[in-house]
PDB file of N, CA and C in Angstrom:
ATOM      1  N   MET A   1      -8.341   9.815  -5.745  1.00  0.00           N
ATOM      2  CA  MET A   1      -8.064   8.714  -4.842  1.00  0.00           C
ATOM      3  C   MET A   1      -7.010   9.159  -3.841  1.00  0.00           C
ATOM      4  N   ARG A   2      -7.147   8.641  -2.639  1.00  0.00           N
ATOM      5  CA  ARG A   2      -6.144   8.947  -1.627  1.00  0.00           C
ATOM      6  C   ARG A   2      -5.974   7.782  -0.667  1.00  0.00           C
ATOM      7  N   ILE A   3      -4.777   7.706  -0.105  1.00  0.00           N
ATOM      8  CA  ILE A   3      -4.424   6.652   0.852  1.00  0.00           C
ATOM      9  C   ILE A   3      -4.942   7.064   2.225  1.00  0.00           C
ATOM     10  N   VAL A   4      -5.654   6.161   2.913  1.00  0.00           N
ATOM     11  CA  VAL A   4      -6.184   6.435   4.252  1.00  0.00           C
ATOM     12  C   VAL A   4      -5.988   5.200   5.132  1.00  0.00           C
ATOM     13  N   ASP A   5      -6.159   5.415   6.428  1.00  0.00           N
ATOM     14  CA  ASP A   5      -6.160   4.316   7.412  1.00  0.00           C
ATOM     15  C   ASP A   5      -4.897   3.453   7.363  1.00  0.00           C
ATOM     16  N   MET A   6      -3.743   4.067   7.107  1.00  0.00           N
ATOM     17  CA  MET A   6      -2.511   3.275   7.047  1.00  0.00           C
ATOM     18  C   MET A   6      -2.073   2.868   8.448  1.00  0.00           C
ATOM     19  N   THR A   7      -1.727   1.590   8.569  1.00  0.00           N
ATOM     20  CA  THR A   7      -1.250   1.039   9.829  1.00  0.00           C
ATOM     21  C   THR A   7       0.024   0.247   9.558  1.00  0.00           C
ATOM     22  N   PRO A   8       1.149   0.664  10.145  1.00  0.00           N
ATOM     23  CA  PRO A   8       2.381  -0.123   9.964  1.00  0.00           C
ATOM     24  C   PRO A   8       2.219  -1.523  10.532  1.00  0.00           C
ATOM     25  N   ILE A   9       2.874  -2.467   9.894  1.00  0.00           N
ATOM     26  CA  ILE A   9       2.918  -3.849  10.357  1.00  0.00           C
ATOM     27  C   ILE A   9       4.277  -4.049  11.014  1.00  0.00           C
ATOM     28  N   TYR A  10       4.316  -4.733  12.144  1.00  0.00           N
ATOM     29  CA  TYR A  10       5.596  -5.011  12.789  1.00  0.00           C
ATOM     30  C   TYR A  10       6.542  -5.602  11.753  1.00  0.00           C
ATOM     31  N   TYR A  11       7.666  -4.958  11.570  1.00  0.00           N
ATOM     32  CA  TYR A  11       8.612  -5.367  10.525  1.00  0.00           C
ATOM     33  C   TYR A  11       9.560  -6.429  11.052  1.00  0.00           C
ATOM     34  N   ASP A  12       9.441  -7.639  10.506  1.00  0.00           N
ATOM     35  CA  ASP A  12      10.276  -8.755  10.939  1.00  0.00           C
ATOM     36  C   ASP A  12      11.168  -9.256   9.808  1.00  0.00           C
ATOM     37  N   GLY A  13      11.354  -8.416   8.790  1.00  0.00           N
ATOM     38  CA  GLY A  13      12.160  -8.819   7.648  1.00  0.00           C
ATOM     39  C   GLY A  13      11.334  -9.305   6.478  1.00  0.00           C
ATOM     40  N   GLY A  14      10.016  -9.453   6.676  1.00  0.00           N
ATOM     41  CA  GLY A  14       9.131  -9.874   5.593  1.00  0.00           C
ATOM     42  C   GLY A  14       8.841  -8.731   4.638  1.00  0.00           C
ATOM     43  N   GLN A  15       8.039  -8.990   3.629  1.00  0.00           N
ATOM     44  CA  GLN A  15       7.763  -7.988   2.616  1.00  0.00           C
ATOM     45  C   GLN A  15       6.659  -7.012   3.005  1.00  0.00           C
ATOM     46  N   ASN A  16       5.654  -7.428   3.731  1.00  0.00           N
ATOM     47  CA  ASN A  16       4.549  -6.547   4.101  1.00  0.00           C
ATOM     48  C   ASN A  16       4.985  -5.609   5.217  1.00  0.00           C
ATOM     49  N   ILE A  17       4.815  -4.302   4.988  1.00  0.00           N
ATOM     50  CA  ILE A  17       5.237  -3.347   6.013  1.00  0.00           C
ATOM     51  C   ILE A  17       4.101  -2.461   6.502  1.00  0.00           C
ATOM     52  N   ALA A  18       2.958  -2.433   5.787  1.00  0.00           N
ATOM     53  CA  ALA A  18       1.813  -1.637   6.244  1.00  0.00           C
ATOM     54  C   ALA A  18       0.551  -2.120   5.543  1.00  0.00           C
ATOM     55  N   ARG A  19      -0.585  -1.829   6.175  1.00  0.00           N
ATOM     56  CA  ARG A  19      -1.903  -2.058   5.576  1.00  0.00           C
ATOM     57  C   ARG A  19      -2.564  -0.693   5.429  1.00  0.00           C
ATOM     58  N   PHE A  20      -3.412  -0.563   4.400  1.00  0.00           N
ATOM     59  CA  PHE A  20      -4.086   0.716   4.186  1.00  0.00           C
ATOM     60  C   PHE A  20      -5.335   0.527   3.342  1.00  0.00           C
ATOM     61  N   SER A  21      -6.102   1.605   3.264  1.00  0.00           N
ATOM     62  CA  SER A  21      -7.295   1.651   2.421  1.00  0.00           C
ATOM     63  C   SER A  21      -7.105   2.756   1.394  1.00  0.00           C
ATOM     64  N   ILE A  22      -7.943   2.725   0.367  1.00  0.00           N
ATOM     65  CA  ILE A  22      -7.925   3.760  -0.664  1.00  0.00           C
ATOM     66  C   ILE A  22      -9.325   4.355  -0.746  1.00  0.00           C
ATOM     67  N   ASP A  23      -9.433   5.669  -0.488  1.00  0.00           N
ATOM     68  CA  ASP A  23     -10.687   6.378  -0.718  1.00  0.00           C
ATOM     69  C   ASP A  23     -10.752   6.706  -2.201  1.00  0.00           C
ATOM     70  N   VAL A  24     -11.655   6.070  -2.898  1.00  0.00           N
ATOM     71  CA  VAL A  24     -11.837   6.318  -4.324  1.00  0.00           C
ATOM     72  C   VAL A  24     -12.722   7.539  -4.510  1.00  0.00           C
ATOM     73  N   SER A  25     -13.751   7.652  -3.683  1.00  0.00           N
ATOM     74  CA  SER A  25     -14.667   8.785  -3.688  1.00  0.00           C
ATOM     75  C   SER A  25     -15.289   8.849  -2.299  1.00  0.00           C
ATOM     76  N   PRO A  26     -16.084   9.887  -2.015  1.00  0.00           N
ATOM     77  CA  PRO A  26     -16.742   9.916  -0.702  1.00  0.00           C
ATOM     78  C   PRO A  26     -17.657   8.718  -0.466  1.00  0.00           C
ATOM     79  N   GLU A  27     -18.100   8.076  -1.530  1.00  0.00           N
ATOM     80  CA  GLU A  27     -19.014   6.949  -1.409  1.00  0.00           C
ATOM     81  C   GLU A  27     -18.337   5.593  -1.503  1.00  0.00           C
ATOM     82  N   LEU A  28     -17.041   5.541  -1.841  1.00  0.00           N
ATOM     83  CA  LEU A  28     -16.387   4.256  -2.089  1.00  0.00           C
ATOM     84  C   LEU A  28     -14.993   4.208  -1.466  1.00  0.00           C
ATOM     85  N   LYS A  29     -14.785   3.227  -0.581  1.00  0.00           N
ATOM     86  CA  LYS A  29     -13.475   2.986   0.027  1.00  0.00           C
ATOM     87  C   LYS A  29     -13.094   1.529  -0.240  1.00  0.00           C
ATOM     88  N   LEU A  30     -11.889   1.318  -0.751  1.00  0.00           N
ATOM     89  CA  LEU A  30     -11.353  -0.026  -0.954  1.00  0.00           C
ATOM     90  C   LEU A  30     -10.406  -0.327   0.199  1.00  0.00           C
ATOM     91  N   THR A  31     -10.560  -1.475   0.837  1.00  0.00           N
ATOM     92  CA  THR A  31      -9.757  -1.806   2.014  1.00  0.00           C
ATOM     93  C   THR A  31      -8.918  -3.050   1.766  1.00  0.00           C
ATOM     94  N   GLY A  32      -7.973  -3.282   2.670  1.00  0.00           N
ATOM     95  CA  GLY A  32      -7.196  -4.513   2.632  1.00  0.00           C
ATOM     96  C   GLY A  32      -5.932  -4.462   1.792  1.00  0.00           C
ATOM     97  N   PHE A  33      -5.501  -3.269   1.384  1.00  0.00           N
ATOM     98  CA  PHE A  33      -4.268  -3.162   0.600  1.00  0.00           C
ATOM     99  C   PHE A  33      -3.055  -3.272   1.516  1.00  0.00           C
ATOM    100  N   ARG A  34      -1.941  -3.705   0.933  1.00  0.00           N
ATOM    101  CA  ARG A  34      -0.687  -3.814   1.678  1.00  0.00           C
ATOM    102  C   ARG A  34       0.409  -3.058   0.949  1.00  0.00           C
ATOM    103  N   LEU A  35       1.241  -2.385   1.724  1.00  0.00           N
ATOM    104  CA  LEU A  35       2.470  -1.800   1.195  1.00  0.00           C
ATOM    105  C   LEU A  35       3.560  -2.820   1.442  1.00  0.00           C
ATOM    106  N   ARG A  36       4.292  -3.146   0.390  1.00  0.00           N
ATOM    107  CA  ARG A  36       5.328  -4.184   0.491  1.00  0.00           C
ATOM    108  C   ARG A  36       6.681  -3.614   0.107  1.00  0.00           C
ATOM    109  N   ARG A  37       7.707  -4.103   0.775  1.00  0.00           N
ATOM    110  CA  ARG A  37       9.090  -3.740   0.455  1.00  0.00           C
ATOM    111  C   ARG A  37       9.634  -4.812  -0.461  1.00  0.00           C
ATOM    112  N   ARG A  38      10.127  -4.372  -1.627  1.00  0.00           N
ATOM    113  CA  ARG A  38      10.716  -5.327  -2.570  1.00  0.00           C
ATOM    114  C   ARG A  38      12.140  -5.657  -2.143  1.00  0.00           C
ATOM    115  N   ARG A  39      12.643  -6.747  -2.628  1.00  0.00           N
ATOM    116  CA  ARG A  39      14.009  -7.170  -2.276  1.00  0.00           C
ATOM    117  C   ARG A  39      15.060  -6.191  -2.765  1.00  0.00           C
ATOM    118  N   ASP A  40      14.748  -5.437  -3.837  1.00  0.00           N
ATOM    119  CA  ASP A  40      15.709  -4.465  -4.352  1.00  0.00           C
ATOM    120  C   ASP A  40      15.675  -3.154  -3.570  1.00  0.00           C
ATOM    121  N   GLY A  41      14.836  -3.083  -2.519  1.00  0.00           N
ATOM    122  CA  GLY A  41      14.752  -1.893  -1.678  1.00  0.00           C
ATOM    123  C   GLY A  41      13.622  -0.959  -2.048  1.00  0.00           C
ATOM    124  N   GLY A  42      12.987  -1.172  -3.178  1.00  0.00           N
ATOM    125  CA  GLY A  42      11.852  -0.344  -3.581  1.00  0.00           C
ATOM    126  C   GLY A  42      10.579  -0.799  -2.885  1.00  0.00           C
ATOM    127  N   HIS A  43       9.472  -0.244  -3.306  1.00  0.00           N
ATOM    128  CA  HIS A  43       8.184  -0.589  -2.715  1.00  0.00           C
ATOM    129  C   HIS A  43       7.172  -0.909  -3.807  1.00  0.00           C
ATOM    130  N   THR A  44       6.139  -1.638  -3.414  1.00  0.00           N
ATOM    131  CA  THR A  44       5.011  -1.915  -4.290  1.00  0.00           C
ATOM    132  C   THR A  44       3.778  -2.053  -3.414  1.00  0.00           C
ATOM    133  N   ILE A  45       2.611  -1.948  -4.025  1.00  0.00           N
ATOM    134  CA  ILE A  45       1.385  -2.191  -3.273  1.00  0.00           C
ATOM    135  C   ILE A  45       0.769  -3.489  -3.773  1.00  0.00           C
ATOM    136  N   ALA A  46       0.018  -4.135  -2.892  1.00  0.00           N
ATOM    137  CA  ALA A  46      -0.667  -5.376  -3.244  1.00  0.00           C
ATOM    138  C   ALA A  46      -2.142  -5.223  -2.886  1.00  0.00           C
ATOM    139  N   ALA A  47      -2.984  -5.545  -3.845  1.00  0.00           N
ATOM    140  CA  ALA A  47      -4.424  -5.487  -3.619  1.00  0.00           C
ATOM    141  C   ALA A  47      -4.865  -6.677  -2.776  1.00  0.00           C
ATOM    142  N   PRO A  48      -6.002  -6.548  -2.111  1.00  0.00           N
ATOM    143  CA  PRO A  48      -6.518  -7.695  -1.368  1.00  0.00           C
ATOM    144  C   PRO A  48      -6.909  -8.811  -2.321  1.00  0.00           C
ATOM    145  N   ALA A  49      -6.999 -10.011  -1.785  1.00  0.00           N
ATOM    146  CA  ALA A  49      -7.367 -11.181  -2.603  1.00  0.00           C
ATOM    147  C   ALA A  49      -8.546 -11.899  -1.970  1.00  0.00           C
ATOM    148  N   ALA A  50      -9.345 -12.507  -2.808  1.00  0.00           N
ATOM    149  CA  ALA A  50     -10.448 -13.359  -2.356  1.00  0.00           C
ATOM    150  C   ALA A  50     -10.351 -14.668  -3.126  1.00  0.00           C
ATOM    151  N   PHE A  51     -10.262 -15.760  -2.416  1.00  0.00           N
ATOM    152  CA  PHE A  51     -10.145 -17.081  -3.029  1.00  0.00           C
ATOM    153  C   PHE A  51      -8.942 -17.151  -3.968  1.00  0.00           C
ATOM    154  N   GLY A  52      -7.847 -16.485  -3.568  1.00  0.00           N
ATOM    155  CA  GLY A  52      -6.613 -16.534  -4.335  1.00  0.00           C
ATOM    156  C   GLY A  52      -6.565 -15.634  -5.553  1.00  0.00           C
ATOM    157  N   VAL A  53      -7.549 -14.763  -5.728  1.00  0.00           N
ATOM    158  CA  VAL A  53      -7.600 -13.872  -6.881  1.00  0.00           C
ATOM    159  C   VAL A  53      -7.593 -12.426  -6.400  1.00  0.00           C
ATOM    160  N   ARG A  54      -6.728 -11.590  -6.980  1.00  0.00           N
ATOM    161  CA  ARG A  54      -6.698 -10.170  -6.629  1.00  0.00           C
ATOM    162  C   ARG A  54      -8.035  -9.540  -6.995  1.00  0.00           C
ATOM    163  N   VAL A  55      -8.560  -8.708  -6.106  1.00  0.00           N
ATOM    164  CA  VAL A  55      -9.889  -8.146  -6.316  1.00  0.00           C
ATOM    165  C   VAL A  55      -9.867  -6.709  -6.830  1.00  0.00           C
ATOM    166  N   ALA A  56      -8.694  -6.144  -7.034  1.00  0.00           N
ATOM    167  CA  ALA A  56      -8.592  -4.797  -7.592  1.00  0.00           C
ATOM    168  C   ALA A  56      -7.398  -4.753  -8.535  1.00  0.00           C
ATOM    169  N   HIS A  57      -7.605  -4.094  -9.657  1.00  0.00           N
ATOM    170  CA  HIS A  57      -6.539  -3.915 -10.648  1.00  0.00           C
ATOM    171  C   HIS A  57      -6.552  -2.455 -11.086  1.00  0.00           C
ATOM    172  N   PHE A  58      -5.374  -1.897 -11.326  1.00  0.00           N
ATOM    173  CA  PHE A  58      -5.249  -0.498 -11.720  1.00  0.00           C
ATOM    174  C   PHE A  58      -4.403  -0.385 -12.977  1.00  0.00           C
ATOM    175  N   ALA A  59      -4.665   0.658 -13.752  1.00  0.00           N
ATOM    176  CA  ALA A  59      -3.791   0.979 -14.877  1.00  0.00           C
ATOM    177  C   ALA A  59      -2.399   1.267 -14.315  1.00  0.00           C
ATOM    178  N   LEU A  60      -1.364   1.050 -15.119  1.00  0.00           N
ATOM    179  CA  LEU A  60       0.013   1.183 -14.646  1.00  0.00           C
ATOM    180  C   LEU A  60       0.295   2.560 -14.059  1.00  0.00           C
ATOM    181  N   ASP A  61      -0.140   3.627 -14.703  1.00  0.00           N
ATOM    182  CA  ASP A  61       0.101   4.976 -14.175  1.00  0.00           C
ATOM    183  C   ASP A  61      -0.578   5.172 -12.818  1.00  0.00           C
ATOM    184  N   THR A  62      -1.781   4.666 -12.684  1.00  0.00           N
ATOM    185  CA  THR A  62      -2.506   4.768 -11.413  1.00  0.00           C
ATOM    186  C   THR A  62      -1.807   3.941 -10.340  1.00  0.00           C
ATOM    187  N   PHE A  63      -1.371   2.746 -10.703  1.00  0.00           N
ATOM    188  CA  PHE A  63      -0.643   1.876  -9.776  1.00  0.00           C
ATOM    189  C   PHE A  63       0.622   2.570  -9.262  1.00  0.00           C
ATOM    190  N   ARG A  64       1.373   3.178 -10.161  1.00  0.00           N
ATOM    191  CA  ARG A  64       2.604   3.876  -9.757  1.00  0.00           C
ATOM    192  C   ARG A  64       2.299   5.062  -8.853  1.00  0.00           C
ATOM    193  N   ALA A  65       1.257   5.819  -9.176  1.00  0.00           N
ATOM    194  CA  ALA A  65       0.887   6.969  -8.350  1.00  0.00           C
ATOM    195  C   ALA A  65       0.431   6.523  -6.964  1.00  0.00           C
ATOM    196  N   LEU A  66      -0.376   5.461  -6.896  1.00  0.00           N
ATOM    197  CA  LEU A  66      -0.823   4.954  -5.597  1.00  0.00           C
ATOM    198  C   LEU A  66       0.339   4.411  -4.775  1.00  0.00           C
ATOM    199  N   THR A  67       1.282   3.749  -5.429  1.00  0.00           N
ATOM    200  CA  THR A  67       2.462   3.250  -4.718  1.00  0.00           C
ATOM    201  C   THR A  67       3.254   4.411  -4.139  1.00  0.00           C
ATOM    202  N   ALA A  68       3.482   5.454  -4.928  1.00  0.00           N
ATOM    203  CA  ALA A  68       4.216   6.633  -4.447  1.00  0.00           C
ATOM    204  C   ALA A  68       3.469   7.297  -3.290  1.00  0.00           C
ATOM    205  N   ASP A  69       2.157   7.404  -3.392  1.00  0.00           N
ATOM    206  CA  ASP A  69       1.359   7.993  -2.313  1.00  0.00           C
ATOM    207  C   ASP A  69       1.431   7.144  -1.044  1.00  0.00           C
ATOM    208  N   ALA A  70       1.389   5.827  -1.196  1.00  0.00           N
ATOM    209  CA  ALA A  70       1.465   4.935  -0.032  1.00  0.00           C
ATOM    210  C   ALA A  70       2.830   5.041   0.651  1.00  0.00           C
ATOM    211  N   VAL A  71       3.896   5.114  -0.129  1.00  0.00           N
ATOM    212  CA  VAL A  71       5.244   5.255   0.445  1.00  0.00           C
ATOM    213  C   VAL A  71       5.352   6.592   1.173  1.00  0.00           C
ATOM    214  N   ALA A  72       4.808   7.657   0.581  1.00  0.00           N
ATOM    215  CA  ALA A  72       4.850   8.972   1.225  1.00  0.00           C
ATOM    216  C   ALA A  72       4.068   8.964   2.544  1.00  0.00           C
ATOM    217  N   GLU A  73       2.901   8.354   2.539  1.00  0.00           N
ATOM    218  CA  GLU A  73       2.106   8.270   3.770  1.00  0.00           C
ATOM    219  C   GLU A  73       2.824   7.445   4.835  1.00  0.00           C
ATOM    220  N   PHE A  74       3.448   6.377   4.430  1.00  0.00           N
ATOM    221  CA  PHE A  74       4.216   5.542   5.358  1.00  0.00           C
ATOM    222  C   PHE A  74       5.347   6.350   5.978  1.00  0.00           C
ATOM    223  N   GLY A  75       6.014   7.154   5.164  1.00  0.00           N
ATOM    224  CA  GLY A  75       7.075   8.019   5.678  1.00  0.00           C
ATOM    225  C   GLY A  75       6.553   9.054   6.654  1.00  0.00           C
ATOM    226  N   ARG A  76       5.361   9.602   6.385  1.00  0.00           N
ATOM    227  CA  ARG A  76       4.767  10.586   7.298  1.00  0.00           C
ATOM    228  C   ARG A  76       4.462   9.971   8.661  1.00  0.00           C
ATOM    229  N   LEU A  77       4.221   8.663   8.688  1.00  0.00           N
ATOM    230  CA  LEU A  77       3.947   7.994   9.968  1.00  0.00           C
ATOM    231  C   LEU A  77       5.217   7.841  10.805  1.00  0.00           C
ATOM    232  N   GLY A  78       6.376   8.110  10.181  1.00  0.00           N
ATOM    233  CA  GLY A  78       7.630   8.014  10.907  1.00  0.00           C
ATOM    234  C   GLY A  78       8.163   6.603  11.021  1.00  0.00           C
ATOM    235  N   ALA A  79       7.680   5.714  10.155  1.00  0.00           N
ATOM    236  CA  ALA A  79       8.159   4.332  10.191  1.00  0.00           C
ATOM    237  C   ALA A  79       9.624   4.288   9.793  1.00  0.00           C
ATOM    238  N   PRO A  80      10.457   3.541  10.520  1.00  0.00           N
ATOM    239  CA  PRO A  80      11.904   3.578  10.315  1.00  0.00           C
ATOM    240  C   PRO A  80      12.389   2.955   9.006  1.00  0.00           C
ATOM    241  N   HIS A  81      11.600   2.115   8.360  1.00  0.00           N
ATOM    242  CA  HIS A  81      12.066   1.454   7.141  1.00  0.00           C
ATOM    243  C   HIS A  81      11.320   1.978   5.911  1.00  0.00           C
ATOM    244  N   ALA A  82      10.978   3.280   5.917  1.00  0.00           N
ATOM    245  CA  ALA A  82      10.215   3.875   4.831  1.00  0.00           C
ATOM    246  C   ALA A  82      11.106   4.592   3.829  1.00  0.00           C
ATOM    247  N   ARG A  83      12.311   4.154   3.662  1.00  0.00           N
ATOM    248  CA  ARG A  83      13.184   4.804   2.677  1.00  0.00           C
ATOM    249  C   ARG A  83      13.047   4.097   1.335  1.00  0.00           C
ATOM    250  N   ASN A  84      13.243   4.828   0.273  1.00  0.00           N
ATOM    251  CA  ASN A  84      13.115   4.248  -1.062  1.00  0.00           C
ATOM    252  C   ASN A  84      14.289   4.655  -1.910  1.00  0.00           C
TER     253      ASN A  84
END
């Protein structure tokens, strides 16, 4: 899996700082994910939702790895609030 199509969101002090997709395989791309800044200064990712229900769930190790990859990609974009 890899993070693709990351687009920073104008940072106005809210939690969402970027949108991105996840390439699971050459045949499968999951879209609509958000990189969020936590109040403690860390980061987390949020899966897209449909009718108020999250549509993707990951094992904890996978979730942590994807979060780290998303933060790294955000930093590569040169976004000013990508520190962790």
